PDB file of all heavy atoms in Angstrom:
ATOM      1  N   MET A   1     -17.368  -6.489 -22.205  1.00  0.00           N
ATOM      2  CA  MET A   1     -16.717  -5.446 -22.998  1.00  0.00           C
ATOM      3  C   MET A   1     -17.591  -5.079 -24.186  1.00  0.00           C
ATOM      4  O   MET A   1     -18.567  -5.768 -24.475  1.00  0.00           O
ATOM      5  CB  MET A   1     -15.334  -5.892 -23.436  1.00  0.00           C
ATOM      6  CG  MET A   1     -15.305  -7.156 -24.241  1.00  0.00           C
ATOM      7  SD  MET A   1     -13.631  -7.761 -24.390  1.00  0.00           S
ATOM      8  CE  MET A   1     -13.889  -9.451 -23.949  1.00  0.00           C
ATOM      9  N   ASP A   2     -17.251  -4.010 -24.848  1.00  0.00           N
ATOM     10  CA  ASP A   2     -17.963  -3.571 -26.045  1.00  0.00           C
ATOM     11  C   ASP A   2     -17.682  -4.584 -27.158  1.00  0.00           C
ATOM     12  O   ASP A   2     -16.532  -4.798 -27.532  1.00  0.00           O
ATOM     13  CB  ASP A   2     -17.469  -2.182 -26.440  1.00  0.00           C
ATOM     14  CG  ASP A   2     -18.168  -1.605 -27.658  1.00  0.00           C
ATOM     15  OD1 ASP A   2     -18.987  -2.303 -28.287  1.00  0.00           O
ATOM     16  OD2 ASP A   2     -17.870  -0.438 -27.977  1.00  0.00           O
ATOM     17  N   ALA A   3     -18.733  -5.221 -27.667  1.00  0.00           N
ATOM     18  CA  ALA A   3     -18.561  -6.238 -28.711  1.00  0.00           C
ATOM     19  C   ALA A   3     -17.937  -5.652 -29.973  1.00  0.00           C
ATOM     20  O   ALA A   3     -17.240  -6.348 -30.697  1.00  0.00           O
ATOM     21  CB  ALA A   3     -19.900  -6.897 -29.028  1.00  0.00           C
ATOM     22  N   ALA A   4     -18.160  -4.365 -30.238  1.00  0.00           N
ATOM     23  CA  ALA A   4     -17.616  -3.721 -31.426  1.00  0.00           C
ATOM     24  C   ALA A   4     -16.139  -3.349 -31.264  1.00  0.00           C
ATOM     25  O   ALA A   4     -15.460  -3.071 -32.242  1.00  0.00           O
ATOM     26  CB  ALA A   4     -18.427  -2.475 -31.769  1.00  0.00           C
ATOM     27  N   ASN A   5     -15.664  -3.326 -30.023  1.00  0.00           N
ATOM     28  CA  ASN A   5     -14.280  -2.933 -29.752  1.00  0.00           C
ATOM     29  C   ASN A   5     -13.736  -3.771 -28.593  1.00  0.00           C
ATOM     30  O   ASN A   5     -13.436  -3.246 -27.526  1.00  0.00           O
ATOM     31  CB  ASN A   5     -14.239  -1.439 -29.418  1.00  0.00           C
ATOM     32  CG  ASN A   5     -12.831  -0.909 -29.345  1.00  0.00           C
ATOM     33  OD1 ASN A   5     -11.906  -1.480 -29.899  1.00  0.00           O
ATOM     34  ND2 ASN A   5     -12.668   0.198 -28.638  1.00  0.00           N
ATOM     35  N   PRO A   6     -13.599  -5.090 -28.783  1.00  0.00           N
ATOM     36  CA  PRO A   6     -13.154  -5.945 -27.673  1.00  0.00           C
ATOM     37  C   PRO A   6     -11.722  -5.648 -27.256  1.00  0.00           C
ATOM     38  O   PRO A   6     -10.925  -5.137 -28.034  1.00  0.00           O
ATOM     39  CB  PRO A   6     -13.297  -7.353 -28.231  1.00  0.00           C
ATOM     40  CG  PRO A   6     -13.272  -7.202 -29.706  1.00  0.00           C
ATOM     41  CD  PRO A   6     -13.825  -5.828 -30.008  1.00  0.00           C
ATOM     42  N   THR A   7     -11.424  -5.967 -26.012  1.00  0.00           N
ATOM     43  CA  THR A   7     -10.097  -5.745 -25.446  1.00  0.00           C
ATOM     44  C   THR A   7      -9.661  -6.993 -24.693  1.00  0.00           C
ATOM     45  O   THR A   7     -10.467  -7.877 -24.439  1.00  0.00           O
ATOM     46  CB  THR A   7     -10.116  -4.518 -24.508  1.00  0.00           C
ATOM     47  OG1 THR A   7      -8.794  -4.202 -24.112  1.00  0.00           O
ATOM     48  CG2 THR A   7     -10.965  -4.756 -23.285  1.00  0.00           C
ATOM     49  N   ALA A   8      -8.408  -7.057 -24.314  1.00  0.00           N
ATOM     50  CA  ALA A   8      -7.919  -8.175 -23.519  1.00  0.00           C
ATOM     51  C   ALA A   8      -8.365  -8.001 -22.070  1.00  0.00           C
ATOM     52  O   ALA A   8      -8.306  -6.901 -21.524  1.00  0.00           O
ATOM     53  CB  ALA A   8      -6.403  -8.245 -23.596  1.00  0.00           C
ATOM     54  N   LEU A   9      -8.815  -9.090 -21.476  1.00  0.00           N
ATOM     55  CA  LEU A   9      -9.184  -9.073 -20.069  1.00  0.00           C
ATOM     56  C   LEU A   9      -7.995  -9.541 -19.241  1.00  0.00           C
ATOM     57  O   LEU A   9      -7.210 -10.379 -19.683  1.00  0.00           O
ATOM     58  CB  LEU A   9     -10.384  -9.999 -19.824  1.00  0.00           C
ATOM     59  CG  LEU A   9     -11.683  -9.565 -20.493  1.00  0.00           C
ATOM     60  CD1 LEU A   9     -12.725 -10.672 -20.400  1.00  0.00           C
ATOM     61  CD2 LEU A   9     -12.211  -8.303 -19.841  1.00  0.00           C
ATOM     62  N   PRO A  10      -7.857  -9.028 -18.017  1.00  0.00           N
ATOM     63  CA  PRO A  10      -6.704  -9.420 -17.196  1.00  0.00           C
ATOM     64  C   PRO A  10      -6.867 -10.852 -16.681  1.00  0.00           C
ATOM     65  O   PRO A  10      -7.981 -11.279 -16.368  1.00  0.00           O
ATOM     66  CB  PRO A  10      -6.761  -8.413 -16.041  1.00  0.00           C
ATOM     67  CG  PRO A  10      -8.208  -8.065 -15.918  1.00  0.00           C
ATOM     68  CD  PRO A  10      -8.730  -8.078 -17.333  1.00  0.00           C
ATOM     69  N   PRO A  11      -5.776 -11.603 -16.583  1.00  0.00           N
ATOM     70  CA  PRO A  11      -5.877 -12.936 -15.988  1.00  0.00           C
ATOM     71  C   PRO A  11      -6.186 -12.804 -14.494  1.00  0.00           C
ATOM     72  O   PRO A  11      -5.685 -11.896 -13.830  1.00  0.00           O
ATOM     73  CB  PRO A  11      -4.501 -13.544 -16.225  1.00  0.00           C
ATOM     74  CG  PRO A  11      -3.596 -12.395 -16.459  1.00  0.00           C
ATOM     75  CD  PRO A  11      -4.425 -11.278 -17.010  1.00  0.00           C
ATOM     76  N   LEU A  12      -7.012 -13.699 -13.982  1.00  0.00           N
ATOM     77  CA  LEU A  12      -7.378 -13.639 -12.574  1.00  0.00           C
ATOM     78  C   LEU A  12      -6.561 -14.598 -11.719  1.00  0.00           C
ATOM     79  O   LEU A  12      -6.489 -14.438 -10.509  1.00  0.00           O
ATOM     80  CB  LEU A  12      -8.875 -13.939 -12.411  1.00  0.00           C
ATOM     81  CG  LEU A  12      -9.804 -12.981 -13.167  1.00  0.00           C
ATOM     82  CD1 LEU A  12     -11.257 -13.372 -12.946  1.00  0.00           C
ATOM     83  CD2 LEU A  12      -9.573 -11.535 -12.759  1.00  0.00           C
ATOM     84  N   SER A  13      -5.980 -15.599 -12.342  1.00  0.00           N
ATOM     85  CA  SER A  13      -5.084 -16.533 -11.667  1.00  0.00           C
ATOM     86  C   SER A  13      -4.292 -17.260 -12.744  1.00  0.00           C
ATOM     87  O   SER A  13      -4.683 -17.258 -13.911  1.00  0.00           O
ATOM     88  CB  SER A  13      -5.868 -17.519 -10.807  1.00  0.00           C
ATOM     89  OG  SER A  13      -6.453 -18.527 -11.606  1.00  0.00           O
ATOM     90  N   PRO A  14      -3.197 -17.928 -12.354  1.00  0.00           N
ATOM     91  CA  PRO A  14      -2.427 -18.655 -13.363  1.00  0.00           C
ATOM     92  C   PRO A  14      -3.122 -19.932 -13.851  1.00  0.00           C
ATOM     93  O   PRO A  14      -2.742 -20.498 -14.857  1.00  0.00           O
ATOM     94  CB  PRO A  14      -1.113 -18.993 -12.648  1.00  0.00           C
ATOM     95  CG  PRO A  14      -1.329 -18.725 -11.216  1.00  0.00           C
ATOM     96  CD  PRO A  14      -2.536 -17.883 -11.066  1.00  0.00           C
ATOM     97  N   ASN A  15      -4.133 -20.381 -13.137  1.00  0.00           N
ATOM     98  CA  ASN A  15      -4.816 -21.634 -13.470  1.00  0.00           C
ATOM     99  C   ASN A  15      -6.215 -21.401 -14.013  1.00  0.00           C
ATOM    100  O   ASN A  15      -7.201 -21.897 -13.476  1.00  0.00           O
ATOM    101  CB  ASN A  15      -4.898 -22.533 -12.235  1.00  0.00           C
ATOM    102  CG  ASN A  15      -3.546 -22.873 -11.696  1.00  0.00           C
ATOM    103  OD1 ASN A  15      -2.613 -23.105 -12.463  1.00  0.00           O
ATOM    104  ND2 ASN A  15      -3.397 -22.886 -10.383  1.00  0.00           N
ATOM    105  N   GLY A  16      -6.336 -20.635 -15.061  1.00  0.00           N
ATOM    106  CA  GLY A  16      -7.643 -20.386 -15.653  1.00  0.00           C
ATOM    107  C   GLY A  16      -7.523 -19.593 -16.925  1.00  0.00           C
ATOM    108  O   GLY A  16      -6.425 -19.227 -17.348  1.00  0.00           O
ATOM    109  N   LEU A  17      -8.669 -19.340 -17.541  1.00  0.00           N
ATOM    110  CA  LEU A  17      -8.693 -18.564 -18.772  1.00  0.00           C
ATOM    111  C   LEU A  17     -10.086 -17.982 -18.984  1.00  0.00           C
ATOM    112  O   LEU A  17     -11.060 -18.430 -18.393  1.00  0.00           O
ATOM    113  CB  LEU A  17      -8.295 -19.434 -19.966  1.00  0.00           C
ATOM    114  CG  LEU A  17      -9.129 -20.699 -20.204  1.00  0.00           C
ATOM    115  CD1 LEU A  17     -10.177 -20.459 -21.266  1.00  0.00           C
ATOM    116  CD2 LEU A  17      -8.223 -21.829 -20.639  1.00  0.00           C
ATOM    117  N   TRP A  18     -10.144 -16.966 -19.823  1.00  0.00           N
ATOM    118  CA  TRP A  18     -11.412 -16.358 -20.198  1.00  0.00           C
ATOM    119  C   TRP A  18     -11.992 -17.147 -21.365  1.00  0.00           C
ATOM    120  O   TRP A  18     -11.307 -17.398 -22.348  1.00  0.00           O
ATOM    121  CB  TRP A  18     -11.217 -14.900 -20.608  1.00  0.00           C
ATOM    122  CG  TRP A  18     -10.903 -14.007 -19.460  1.00  0.00           C
ATOM    123  CD1 TRP A  18      -9.682 -13.464 -19.155  1.00  0.00           C
ATOM    124  CD2 TRP A  18     -11.804 -13.544 -18.461  1.00  0.00           C
ATOM    125  NE1 TRP A  18      -9.783 -12.694 -18.033  1.00  0.00           N
ATOM    126  CE2 TRP A  18     -11.079 -12.715 -17.576  1.00  0.00           C
ATOM    127  CE3 TRP A  18     -13.163 -13.738 -18.211  1.00  0.00           C
ATOM    128  CZ2 TRP A  18     -11.655 -12.099 -16.467  1.00  0.00           C
ATOM    129  CZ3 TRP A  18     -13.745 -13.125 -17.113  1.00  0.00           C
ATOM    130  CH2 TRP A  18     -12.996 -12.312 -16.261  1.00  0.00           C
ATOM    131  N   SER A  19     -13.263 -17.538 -21.253  1.00  0.00           N
ATOM    132  CA  SER A  19     -13.963 -18.266 -22.312  1.00  0.00           C
ATOM    133  C   SER A  19     -15.163 -17.457 -22.767  1.00  0.00           C
ATOM    134  O   SER A  19     -15.816 -16.781 -21.961  1.00  0.00           O
ATOM    135  CB  SER A  19     -14.449 -19.621 -21.805  1.00  0.00           C
ATOM    136  OG  SER A  19     -13.375 -20.414 -21.395  1.00  0.00           O
ATOM    137  N   ASP A  20     -15.466 -17.548 -24.055  1.00  0.00           N
ATOM    138  CA  ASP A  20     -16.615 -16.839 -24.608  1.00  0.00           C
ATOM    139  C   ASP A  20     -17.899 -17.353 -23.974  1.00  0.00           C
ATOM    140  O   ASP A  20     -18.115 -18.555 -23.864  1.00  0.00           O
ATOM    141  CB  ASP A  20     -16.663 -17.046 -26.121  1.00  0.00           C
ATOM    142  CG  ASP A  20     -17.788 -16.263 -26.776  1.00  0.00           C
ATOM    143  OD1 ASP A  20     -18.038 -15.118 -26.343  1.00  0.00           O
ATOM    144  OD2 ASP A  20     -18.407 -16.795 -27.694  1.00  0.00           O
ATOM    145  N   PHE A  21     -18.754 -16.425 -23.535  1.00  0.00           N
ATOM    146  CA  PHE A  21     -20.031 -16.784 -22.923  1.00  0.00           C
ATOM    147  C   PHE A  21     -21.204 -16.282 -23.753  1.00  0.00           C
ATOM    148  O   PHE A  21     -22.329 -16.625 -23.504  1.00  0.00           O
ATOM    149  CB  PHE A  21     -20.097 -16.229 -21.500  1.00  0.00           C
ATOM    150  CG  PHE A  21     -21.231 -16.773 -20.683  1.00  0.00           C
ATOM    151  CD1 PHE A  21     -21.228 -18.096 -20.265  1.00  0.00           C
ATOM    152  CD2 PHE A  21     -22.295 -15.969 -20.315  1.00  0.00           C
ATOM    153  CE1 PHE A  21     -22.268 -18.602 -19.509  1.00  0.00           C
ATOM    154  CE2 PHE A  21     -23.336 -16.463 -19.562  1.00  0.00           C
ATOM    155  CZ  PHE A  21     -23.325 -17.788 -19.151  1.00  0.00           C
ATOM    156  N   GLY A  22     -20.932 -15.417 -24.733  1.00  0.00           N
ATOM    157  CA  GLY A  22     -21.990 -14.909 -25.592  1.00  0.00           C
ATOM    158  C   GLY A  22     -22.012 -13.394 -25.639  1.00  0.00           C
ATOM    159  O   GLY A  22     -21.007 -12.730 -25.408  1.00  0.00           O
ATOM    160  N   SER A  23     -23.171 -12.854 -25.950  1.00  0.00           N
ATOM    161  CA  SER A  23     -23.330 -11.403 -26.024  1.00  0.00           C
ATOM    162  C   SER A  23     -24.738 -11.032 -25.584  1.00  0.00           C
ATOM    163  O   SER A  23     -25.622 -11.881 -25.533  1.00  0.00           O
ATOM    164  CB  SER A  23     -23.075 -10.898 -27.446  1.00  0.00           C
ATOM    165  OG  SER A  23     -24.050 -11.412 -28.322  1.00  0.00           O
ATOM    166  N   VAL A  24     -24.910  -9.770 -25.259  1.00  0.00           N
ATOM    167  CA  VAL A  24     -26.217  -9.281 -24.815  1.00  0.00           C
ATOM    168  C   VAL A  24     -26.322  -7.802 -25.181  1.00  0.00           C
ATOM    169  O   VAL A  24     -25.339  -7.061 -25.136  1.00  0.00           O
ATOM    170  CB  VAL A  24     -26.409  -9.505 -23.294  1.00  0.00           C
ATOM    171  CG1 VAL A  24     -25.466  -8.653 -22.480  1.00  0.00           C
ATOM    172  CG2 VAL A  24     -27.854  -9.265 -22.874  1.00  0.00           C
ATOM    173  N   ASN A  25     -27.514  -7.383 -25.555  1.00  0.00           N
ATOM    174  CA  ASN A  25     -27.775  -5.981 -25.843  1.00  0.00           C
ATOM    175  C   ASN A  25     -27.906  -5.223 -24.539  1.00  0.00           C
ATOM    176  O   ASN A  25     -28.404  -5.758 -23.545  1.00  0.00           O
ATOM    177  CB  ASN A  25     -29.058  -5.845 -26.674  1.00  0.00           C
ATOM    178  CG  ASN A  25     -29.274  -4.424 -27.126  1.00  0.00           C
ATOM    179  OD1 ASN A  25     -29.745  -3.584 -26.365  1.00  0.00           O
ATOM    180  ND2 ASN A  25     -28.915  -4.145 -28.363  1.00  0.00           N
ATOM    181  N   GLU A  26     -27.483  -3.974 -24.529  1.00  0.00           N
ATOM    182  CA  GLU A  26     -27.525  -3.174 -23.307  1.00  0.00           C
ATOM    183  C   GLU A  26     -28.913  -3.098 -22.690  1.00  0.00           C
ATOM    184  O   GLU A  26     -29.049  -3.011 -21.470  1.00  0.00           O
ATOM    185  CB  GLU A  26     -26.988  -1.770 -23.550  1.00  0.00           C
ATOM    186  CG  GLU A  26     -27.842  -0.904 -24.441  1.00  0.00           C
ATOM    187  CD  GLU A  26     -27.240   0.476 -24.634  1.00  0.00           C
ATOM    188  OE1 GLU A  26     -27.321   1.301 -23.708  1.00  0.00           O
ATOM    189  OE2 GLU A  26     -26.675   0.711 -25.714  1.00  0.00           O
ATOM    190  N   SER A  27     -29.962  -3.185 -23.489  1.00  0.00           N
ATOM    191  CA  SER A  27     -31.323  -3.103 -22.939  1.00  0.00           C
ATOM    192  C   SER A  27     -31.680  -4.323 -22.099  1.00  0.00           C
ATOM    193  O   SER A  27     -32.622  -4.281 -21.316  1.00  0.00           O
ATOM    194  CB  SER A  27     -32.342  -2.930 -24.068  1.00  0.00           C
ATOM    195  OG  SER A  27     -32.342  -4.065 -24.911  1.00  0.00           O
ATOM    196  N   HIS A  28     -30.914  -5.407 -22.235  1.00  0.00           N
ATOM    197  CA  HIS A  28     -31.162  -6.618 -21.461  1.00  0.00           C
ATOM    198  C   HIS A  28     -30.136  -6.823 -20.346  1.00  0.00           C
ATOM    199  O   HIS A  28     -30.159  -7.849 -19.672  1.00  0.00           O
ATOM    200  CB  HIS A  28     -31.144  -7.855 -22.374  1.00  0.00           C
ATOM    201  CG  HIS A  28     -32.265  -7.878 -23.345  1.00  0.00           C
ATOM    202  ND1 HIS A  28     -33.557  -8.168 -22.996  1.00  0.00           N
ATOM    203  CD2 HIS A  28     -32.281  -7.635 -24.666  1.00  0.00           C
ATOM    204  CE1 HIS A  28     -34.325  -8.100 -24.059  1.00  0.00           C
ATOM    205  NE2 HIS A  28     -33.567  -7.775 -25.091  1.00  0.00           N
ATOM    206  N   PHE A  29     -29.227  -5.863 -20.168  1.00  0.00           N
ATOM    207  CA  PHE A  29     -28.167  -6.004 -19.178  1.00  0.00           C
ATOM    208  C   PHE A  29     -28.419  -5.050 -18.026  1.00  0.00           C
ATOM    209  O   PHE A  29     -28.355  -3.830 -18.182  1.00  0.00           O
ATOM    210  CB  PHE A  29     -26.813  -5.742 -19.830  1.00  0.00           C
ATOM    211  CG  PHE A  29     -25.626  -5.949 -18.937  1.00  0.00           C
ATOM    212  CD1 PHE A  29     -25.575  -6.986 -18.035  1.00  0.00           C
ATOM    213  CD2 PHE A  29     -24.541  -5.098 -19.023  1.00  0.00           C
ATOM    214  CE1 PHE A  29     -24.476  -7.177 -17.217  1.00  0.00           C
ATOM    215  CE2 PHE A  29     -23.425  -5.276 -18.223  1.00  0.00           C
ATOM    216  CZ  PHE A  29     -23.398  -6.313 -17.320  1.00  0.00           C
ATOM    217  N   LYS A  30     -28.695  -5.593 -16.861  1.00  0.00           N
ATOM    218  CA  LYS A  30     -29.048  -4.812 -15.673  1.00  0.00           C
ATOM    219  C   LYS A  30     -27.990  -3.768 -15.307  1.00  0.00           C
ATOM    220  O   LYS A  30     -28.312  -2.703 -14.796  1.00  0.00           O
ATOM    221  CB  LYS A  30     -29.276  -5.773 -14.504  1.00  0.00           C
ATOM    222  CG  LYS A  30     -29.630  -5.131 -13.206  1.00  0.00           C
ATOM    223  CD  LYS A  30     -29.863  -6.183 -12.133  1.00  0.00           C
ATOM    224  CE  LYS A  30     -30.230  -5.543 -10.817  1.00  0.00           C
ATOM    225  NZ  LYS A  30     -30.548  -6.558  -9.798  1.00  0.00           N
ATOM    226  N   PHE A  31     -26.734  -4.060 -15.567  1.00  0.00           N
ATOM    227  CA  PHE A  31     -25.635  -3.183 -15.159  1.00  0.00           C
ATOM    228  C   PHE A  31     -25.025  -2.425 -16.339  1.00  0.00           C
ATOM    229  O   PHE A  31     -23.842  -2.077 -16.319  1.00  0.00           O
ATOM    230  CB  PHE A  31     -24.553  -4.011 -14.457  1.00  0.00           C
ATOM    231  CG  PHE A  31     -25.082  -4.771 -13.275  1.00  0.00           C
ATOM    232  CD1 PHE A  31     -25.339  -6.128 -13.378  1.00  0.00           C
ATOM    233  CD2 PHE A  31     -25.347  -4.135 -12.077  1.00  0.00           C
ATOM    234  CE1 PHE A  31     -25.837  -6.845 -12.303  1.00  0.00           C
ATOM    235  CE2 PHE A  31     -25.853  -4.842 -10.996  1.00  0.00           C
ATOM    236  CZ  PHE A  31     -26.101  -6.203 -11.105  1.00  0.00           C
ATOM    237  N   SER A  32     -25.822  -2.135 -17.356  1.00  0.00           N
ATOM    238  CA  SER A  32     -25.275  -1.507 -18.565  1.00  0.00           C
ATOM    239  C   SER A  32     -24.678  -0.125 -18.298  1.00  0.00           C
ATOM    240  O   SER A  32     -23.624   0.197 -18.854  1.00  0.00           O
ATOM    241  CB  SER A  32     -26.319  -1.440 -19.681  1.00  0.00           C
ATOM    242  OG  SER A  32     -27.400  -0.623 -19.318  1.00  0.00           O
TER     243      SER A  32
END
């Protein structure tokens, strides 16, 4: 998501959660 305007991500199953993995600039993200 946009780091400047984060949003809630949908749950994918009842047995899990979203955890922070970091950030990346669009110039380093293949699928920007």
